[in-house]
C-alpha atoms as a PDB file:
ATOM      1  CA  MET A   1      28.094 -86.369-114.285  1.00  0.00           C
ATOM      2  CA  THR A   2      27.811 -89.677-112.061  1.00  0.00           C
ATOM      3  CA  GLU A   3      25.691 -90.213-109.412  1.00  0.00           C
ATOM      4  CA  THR A   4      26.946 -90.394-106.189  1.00  0.00           C
ATOM      5  CA  PRO A   5      26.253 -91.859-103.410  1.00  0.00           C
ATOM      6  CA  ASP A   6      25.147 -89.482-101.280  1.00  0.00           C
ATOM      7  CA  TRP A   7      22.591 -88.729-104.111  1.00  0.00           C
ATOM      8  CA  ARG A   8      21.057 -92.092-104.165  1.00  0.00           C
ATOM      9  CA  ALA A   9      20.339 -91.984-100.461  1.00  0.00           C
ATOM     10  CA  ARG A  10      18.653 -88.887-100.744  1.00  0.00           C
ATOM     11  CA  ARG A  11      16.488 -90.112-103.860  1.00  0.00           C
ATOM     12  CA  TRP A  12      15.990 -93.735-101.766  1.00  0.00           C
ATOM     13  CA  ALA A  13      15.278 -91.435 -98.602  1.00  0.00           C
ATOM     14  CA  ALA A  14      13.040 -88.842-100.330  1.00  0.00           C
ATOM     15  CA  THR A  15      10.854 -92.134-102.126  1.00  0.00           C
ATOM     16  CA  HIS A  16      11.159 -94.004 -98.731  1.00  0.00           C
ATOM     17  CA  GLN A  17       8.986 -90.778 -97.032  1.00  0.00           C
ATOM     18  CA  ARG A  18       6.945 -90.706 -99.688  1.00  0.00           C
ATOM     19  CA  ILE A  19       6.288 -94.230 -99.358  1.00  0.00           C
ATOM     20  CA  TYR A  20       4.623 -93.947 -95.842  1.00  0.00           C
ATOM     21  CA  ASP A  21       3.492 -89.900 -96.159  1.00  0.00           C
ATOM     22  CA  ALA A  22       1.316 -92.096 -98.569  1.00  0.00           C
ATOM     23  CA  ALA A  23       0.925 -95.353 -96.446  1.00  0.00           C
ATOM     24  CA  LEU A  24      -0.291 -93.144 -93.270  1.00  0.00           C
ATOM     25  CA  ALA A  25      -2.289 -90.893 -95.709  1.00  0.00           C
ATOM     26  CA  LEU A  26      -4.489 -94.267 -96.934  1.00  0.00           C
ATOM     27  CA  PHE A  27      -4.527 -96.163 -93.700  1.00  0.00           C
ATOM     28  CA  GLN A  28      -5.654 -92.988 -91.300  1.00  0.00           C
ATOM     29  CA  GLU A  29      -8.918 -92.116 -94.179  1.00  0.00           C
ATOM     30  CA  ARG A  30      -9.407 -96.011 -95.440  1.00  0.00           C
ATOM     31  CA  GLY A  31      -8.018 -97.862 -92.101  1.00  0.00           C
ATOM     32  CA  PHE A  32      -5.405-100.625 -92.121  1.00  0.00           C
ATOM     33  CA  ASP A  33      -7.790-103.295 -93.564  1.00  0.00           C
ATOM     34  CA  ALA A  34      -9.032-101.573 -96.347  1.00  0.00           C
ATOM     35  CA  VAL A  35      -5.051-100.600 -97.957  1.00  0.00           C
ATOM     36  CA  ASN A  36      -3.360-102.456-100.032  1.00  0.00           C
ATOM     37  CA  VAL A  37       0.141-102.357-101.230  1.00  0.00           C
ATOM     38  CA  GLY A  38      -1.026-101.442-104.965  1.00  0.00           C
ATOM     39  CA  GLN A  39      -2.541 -98.994-103.053  1.00  0.00           C
ATOM     40  CA  ILE A  40       0.322 -97.534-101.543  1.00  0.00           C
ATOM     41  CA  ALA A  41       2.252 -97.331-104.137  1.00  0.00           C
ATOM     42  CA  ARG A  42       0.308 -95.730-106.926  1.00  0.00           C
ATOM     43  CA  GLU A  43      -0.108 -93.123-104.017  1.00  0.00           C
ATOM     44  CA  ALA A  44       3.909 -92.673-103.411  1.00  0.00           C
ATOM     45  CA  GLY A  45       3.984 -93.001-107.369  1.00  0.00           C
ATOM     46  CA  VAL A  46       6.051 -96.157-107.339  1.00  0.00           C
ATOM     47  CA  SER A  47       5.967 -99.770-107.810  1.00  0.00           C
ATOM     48  CA  VAL A  48       4.932-102.416-105.698  1.00  0.00           C
ATOM     49  CA  PRO A  49       8.143-103.922-105.841  1.00  0.00           C
ATOM     50  CA  THR A  50       9.670-100.527-105.264  1.00  0.00           C
ATOM     51  CA  PHE A  51       7.628-100.384-102.276  1.00  0.00           C
ATOM     52  CA  TYR A  52       9.171-103.681-101.309  1.00  0.00           C
ATOM     53  CA  ALA A  53      12.712-102.705-101.497  1.00  0.00           C
ATOM     54  CA  HIS A  54      11.472-100.647 -99.505  1.00  0.00           C
ATOM     55  CA  TYR A  55       9.332-102.192 -97.018  1.00  0.00           C
ATOM     56  CA  ALA A  56       9.075-105.737 -95.901  1.00  0.00           C
ATOM     57  CA  SER A  57       5.485-105.289 -96.012  1.00  0.00           C
ATOM     58  CA  LYS A  58       2.551-102.867 -95.293  1.00  0.00           C
ATOM     59  CA  GLU A  59       2.340-103.871 -90.902  1.00  0.00           C
ATOM     60  CA  HIS A  60       6.021-102.542 -91.964  1.00  0.00           C
ATOM     61  CA  VAL A  61       4.771 -98.711 -92.975  1.00  0.00           C
ATOM     62  CA  ILE A  62       3.204 -98.458 -89.088  1.00  0.00           C
ATOM     63  CA  MET A  63       5.588-100.547 -87.137  1.00  0.00           C
ATOM     64  CA  GLN A  64       8.474 -99.372 -87.030  1.00  0.00           C
ATOM     65  CA  LEU A  65      11.456-101.501 -85.747  1.00  0.00           C
ATOM     66  CA  PRO A  66      14.766 -99.498 -84.333  1.00  0.00           C
ATOM     67  CA  THR A  67      17.829-101.131 -85.898  1.00  0.00           C
ATOM     68  CA  ALA A  68      20.552-102.789 -84.110  1.00  0.00           C
ATOM     69  CA  GLU A  69      22.994 -99.334 -83.980  1.00  0.00           C
ATOM     70  CA  GLU A  70      20.171 -97.625 -82.579  1.00  0.00           C
ATOM     71  CA  MET A  71      19.667-100.140 -79.948  1.00  0.00           C
ATOM     72  CA  ASP A  72      23.210 -99.885 -79.284  1.00  0.00           C
ATOM     73  CA  ALA A  73      23.674 -95.999 -79.027  1.00  0.00           C
ATOM     74  CA  LEU A  74      20.686 -96.210 -76.508  1.00  0.00           C
ATOM     75  CA  VAL A  75      22.364 -99.341 -74.565  1.00  0.00           C
ATOM     76  CA  ALA A  76      26.035 -96.485 -74.417  1.00  0.00           C
ATOM     77  CA  ALA A  77      22.981 -94.312 -73.125  1.00  0.00           C
ATOM     78  CA  LEU A  78      22.461 -96.242 -70.026  1.00  0.00           C
ATOM     79  CA  PRO A  79      24.299 -96.008 -66.580  1.00  0.00           C
ATOM     80  CA  ALA A  80      26.822 -98.867 -66.857  1.00  0.00           C
ATOM     81  CA  GLN A  81      26.331 -99.034 -62.603  1.00  0.00           C
ATOM     82  CA  LEU A  82      22.463 -99.426 -62.889  1.00  0.00           C
ATOM     83  CA  PRO A  83      21.481-103.109 -61.442  1.00  0.00           C
ATOM     84  CA  LEU A  84      20.095-104.210 -65.615  1.00  0.00           C
ATOM     85  CA  ARG A  85      16.138-103.851 -64.799  1.00  0.00           C
ATOM     86  CA  GLU A  86      16.546 -99.948 -63.964  1.00  0.00           C
ATOM     87  CA  ARG A  87      19.007 -99.407 -66.499  1.00  0.00           C
ATOM     88  CA  VAL A  88      16.151-101.349 -68.698  1.00  0.00           C
ATOM     89  CA  GLN A  89      13.305 -99.478 -66.961  1.00  0.00           C
ATOM     90  CA  HIS A  90      15.232 -95.946 -68.414  1.00  0.00           C
ATOM     91  CA  ALA A  91      15.562 -96.995 -72.260  1.00  0.00           C
ATOM     92  CA  PRO A  92      12.652 -96.553 -73.133  1.00  0.00           C
ATOM     93  CA  LEU A  93      12.560 -92.944 -71.162  1.00  0.00           C
ATOM     94  CA  ILE A  94      15.302 -92.030 -72.545  1.00  0.00           C
ATOM     95  CA  TRP A  95      14.428 -93.162 -76.094  1.00  0.00           C
ATOM     96  CA  VAL A  96      11.075 -90.671 -76.003  1.00  0.00           C
ATOM     97  CA  ALA A  97      12.883 -88.117 -74.542  1.00  0.00           C
ATOM     98  CA  ALA A  98      15.221 -87.130 -77.819  1.00  0.00           C
ATOM     99  CA  TRP A  99      11.523 -87.325 -80.102  1.00  0.00           C
ATOM    100  CA  SER A 100      11.856 -84.060 -81.069  1.00  0.00           C
ATOM    101  CA  PRO A 101       7.733 -82.440 -81.506  1.00  0.00           C
ATOM    102  CA  GLU A 102       7.603 -83.837 -85.001  1.00  0.00           C
ATOM    103  CA  VAL A 103       8.645 -87.192 -84.711  1.00  0.00           C
ATOM    104  CA  ARG A 104       5.819 -87.383 -81.196  1.00  0.00           C
ATOM    105  CA  GLU A 105       3.483 -86.300 -83.200  1.00  0.00           C
ATOM    106  CA  ALA A 106       4.098 -89.005 -86.786  1.00  0.00           C
ATOM    107  CA  THR A 107       4.693 -91.768 -83.469  1.00  0.00           C
ATOM    108  CA  LEU A 108       1.432 -90.533 -82.469  1.00  0.00           C
ATOM    109  CA  ALA A 109       0.069 -90.914 -85.533  1.00  0.00           C
ATOM    110  CA  ARG A 110       1.696 -94.179 -86.119  1.00  0.00           C
ATOM    111  CA  TRP A 111       0.015 -95.602 -82.728  1.00  0.00           C
ATOM    112  CA  ARG A 112      -3.395 -94.634 -84.018  1.00  0.00           C
ATOM    113  CA  ILE A 113      -3.895 -96.328 -86.498  1.00  0.00           C
ATOM    114  CA  ILE A 114      -2.669 -99.014 -84.595  1.00  0.00           C
ATOM    115  CA  ALA A 115      -4.363 -99.355 -81.329  1.00  0.00           C
ATOM    116  CA  ALA A 116      -7.815 -98.552 -84.071  1.00  0.00           C
ATOM    117  CA  ASP A 117      -7.219-102.159 -85.401  1.00  0.00           C
ATOM    118  CA  PRO A 118      -7.212-104.869 -83.428  1.00  0.00           C
ATOM    119  CA  GLY A 119      -4.877-107.069 -85.821  1.00  0.00           C
ATOM    120  CA  LEU A 120      -2.638-104.534 -85.692  1.00  0.00           C
ATOM    121  CA  ARG A 121      -2.206-104.822 -82.129  1.00  0.00           C
ATOM    122  CA  THR A 122      -2.044-108.240 -81.665  1.00  0.00           C
ATOM    123  CA  ARG A 123       0.844-108.105 -84.157  1.00  0.00           C
ATOM    124  CA  ALA A 124       2.280-104.953 -82.412  1.00  0.00           C
ATOM    125  CA  ALA A 125       3.317-107.500 -79.675  1.00  0.00           C
ATOM    126  CA  GLU A 126       5.767-109.118 -82.692  1.00  0.00           C
ATOM    127  CA  PHE A 127       7.258-105.835 -83.267  1.00  0.00           C
ATOM    128  CA  GLU A 128       7.706-106.060 -79.184  1.00  0.00           C
ATOM    129  CA  ARG A 129      10.057-108.928 -79.511  1.00  0.00           C
ATOM    130  CA  THR A 130      12.195-108.244 -81.731  1.00  0.00           C
ATOM    131  CA  THR A 131      13.602-104.660 -80.155  1.00  0.00           C
ATOM    132  CA  ALA A 132      13.308-106.192 -77.199  1.00  0.00           C
ATOM    133  CA  ASN A 133      15.467-109.666 -78.382  1.00  0.00           C
ATOM    134  CA  LEU A 134      17.670-106.358 -80.572  1.00  0.00           C
ATOM    135  CA  ILE A 135      17.785-104.137 -77.054  1.00  0.00           C
ATOM    136  CA  THR A 136      18.772-107.730 -75.494  1.00  0.00           C
ATOM    137  CA  ASP A 137      21.859-108.025 -78.864  1.00  0.00           C
ATOM    138  CA  ALA A 138      22.811-104.863 -77.800  1.00  0.00           C
ATOM    139  CA  LEU A 139      23.240-105.129 -74.018  1.00  0.00           C
ATOM    140  CA  ARG A 140      25.256-108.470 -75.000  1.00  0.00           C
ATOM    141  CA  ARG A 141      27.307-106.324 -76.647  1.00  0.00           C
ATOM    142  CA  GLN A 142      27.962-104.019 -73.852  1.00  0.00           C
ATOM    143  CA  ALA A 143      28.654-106.559 -72.068  1.00  0.00           C
ATOM    144  CA  GLY A 144      31.357-108.009 -73.646  1.00  0.00           C
ATOM    145  CA  GLY A 145      29.144-110.871 -75.103  1.00  0.00           C
ATOM    146  CA  THR A 146      26.964-112.146 -71.274  1.00  0.00           C
ATOM    147  CA  LEU A 147      23.859-112.084 -69.840  1.00  0.00           C
ATOM    148  CA  PRO A 148      22.567-113.122 -67.413  1.00  0.00           C
ATOM    149  CA  SER A 149      19.980-115.669 -68.794  1.00  0.00           C
ATOM    150  CA  ALA A 150      17.131-114.086 -66.412  1.00  0.00           C
ATOM    151  CA  ALA A 151      18.224-110.601 -68.560  1.00  0.00           C
ATOM    152  CA  ALA A 152      16.115-111.790 -71.848  1.00  0.00           C
ATOM    153  CA  VAL A 153      12.684-112.115 -69.743  1.00  0.00           C
ATOM    154  CA  VAL A 154      13.364-108.608 -68.381  1.00  0.00           C
ATOM    155  CA  VAL A 155      13.640-106.404 -71.224  1.00  0.00           C
ATOM    156  CA  GLN A 156      10.455-108.776 -72.223  1.00  0.00           C
ATOM    157  CA  VAL A 157       8.387-107.047 -69.952  1.00  0.00           C
ATOM    158  CA  PHE A 158       9.080-104.492 -70.075  1.00  0.00           C
ATOM    159  CA  MET A 159       8.995-104.028 -73.760  1.00  0.00           C
ATOM    160  CA  ALA A 160       5.191-105.031 -73.440  1.00  0.00           C
ATOM    161  CA  ALA A 161       5.220-102.695 -70.199  1.00  0.00           C
ATOM    162  CA  PHE A 162       6.259 -99.654 -72.793  1.00  0.00           C
ATOM    163  CA  THR A 163       4.273-101.487 -75.277  1.00  0.00           C
ATOM    164  CA  ALA A 164       1.119-101.394 -73.613  1.00  0.00           C
ATOM    165  CA  GLY A 165       1.862 -97.711 -72.860  1.00  0.00           C
ATOM    166  CA  VAL A 166       2.119 -96.514 -76.519  1.00  0.00           C
ATOM    167  CA  LEU A 167      -1.337 -97.990 -76.446  1.00  0.00           C
ATOM    168  CA  ALA A 168      -2.267 -96.183 -73.595  1.00  0.00           C
ATOM    169  CA  TRP A 169      -1.424 -93.168 -75.497  1.00  0.00           C
ATOM    170  CA  ALA A 170      -3.049 -93.733 -78.765  1.00  0.00           C
ATOM    171  CA  ASP A 171      -6.296 -95.229 -77.150  1.00  0.00           C
ATOM    172  CA  CYS A 172      -5.893 -91.352 -74.931  1.00  0.00           C
ATOM    173  CA  ASP A 173      -5.270 -89.588 -78.643  1.00  0.00           C
ATOM    174  CA  GLY A 174      -2.319 -88.275 -76.965  1.00  0.00           C
ATOM    175  CA  GLU A 175      -4.118 -86.513 -74.267  1.00  0.00           C
ATOM    176  CA  ARG A 176      -2.136 -87.455 -71.420  1.00  0.00           C
ATOM    177  CA  LYS A 177       2.134 -87.405 -71.941  1.00  0.00           C
ATOM    178  CA  LEU A 178       3.546 -90.747 -72.894  1.00  0.00           C
ATOM    179  CA  GLU A 179       5.916 -90.881 -70.361  1.00  0.00           C
ATOM    180  CA  GLU A 180       3.303 -90.654 -67.608  1.00  0.00           C
ATOM    181  CA  LEU A 181       1.494 -93.584 -68.889  1.00  0.00           C
ATOM    182  CA  ILE A 182       4.753 -95.424 -68.871  1.00  0.00           C
ATOM    183  CA  ASP A 183       5.709 -94.536 -65.624  1.00  0.00           C
ATOM    184  CA  GLU A 184       2.696 -96.360 -64.568  1.00  0.00           C
ATOM    185  CA  ALA A 185       2.702 -99.829 -67.266  1.00  0.00           C
ATOM    186  CA  PHE A 186       6.483-100.366 -65.731  1.00  0.00           C
ATOM    187  CA  GLU A 187       5.067 -99.195 -62.496  1.00  0.00           C
ATOM    188  CA  ALA A 188       2.237-102.175 -62.486  1.00  0.00           C
ATOM    189  CA  LEU A 189       4.869-104.888 -62.944  1.00  0.00           C
END
């Protein structure tokens, strides 16, 4: 019997999830800085090279980046007739509104770890800029290849505010609604 791509994809996804689950449990138990890739791989029952086939670093386990396809879909869901600032302001709210309760809880668990570690809080800005670039690229594709030069600034500023809202959500352990905290961060702009 030969392997089908679907079977390989399911196996890859299961391994990816196993690594994620092992890493998250270790980070919650010991703290992010006290855990290394070897420990994560051992806990997940995989080799270190297998870990790196799934994640570029342990930071990439906890601070996940969206894909270009996800950002294209998000931008496509935004009302094109709205000014850029309003579209960018709506994007994160559309993004989080699509989360299931399980995704919301998993996201809060990840961001609790990020919020508790000063180094990760700082690294979150790097991931935020990368996400902002994905959004800017999606907006550029939607506009047929051109955007005003200020568009990237608008996206970066709103992504910084979004990150501040998510960190506030993690800091209060999810006691307040994420959408309220994001709105408050946007209002500060």
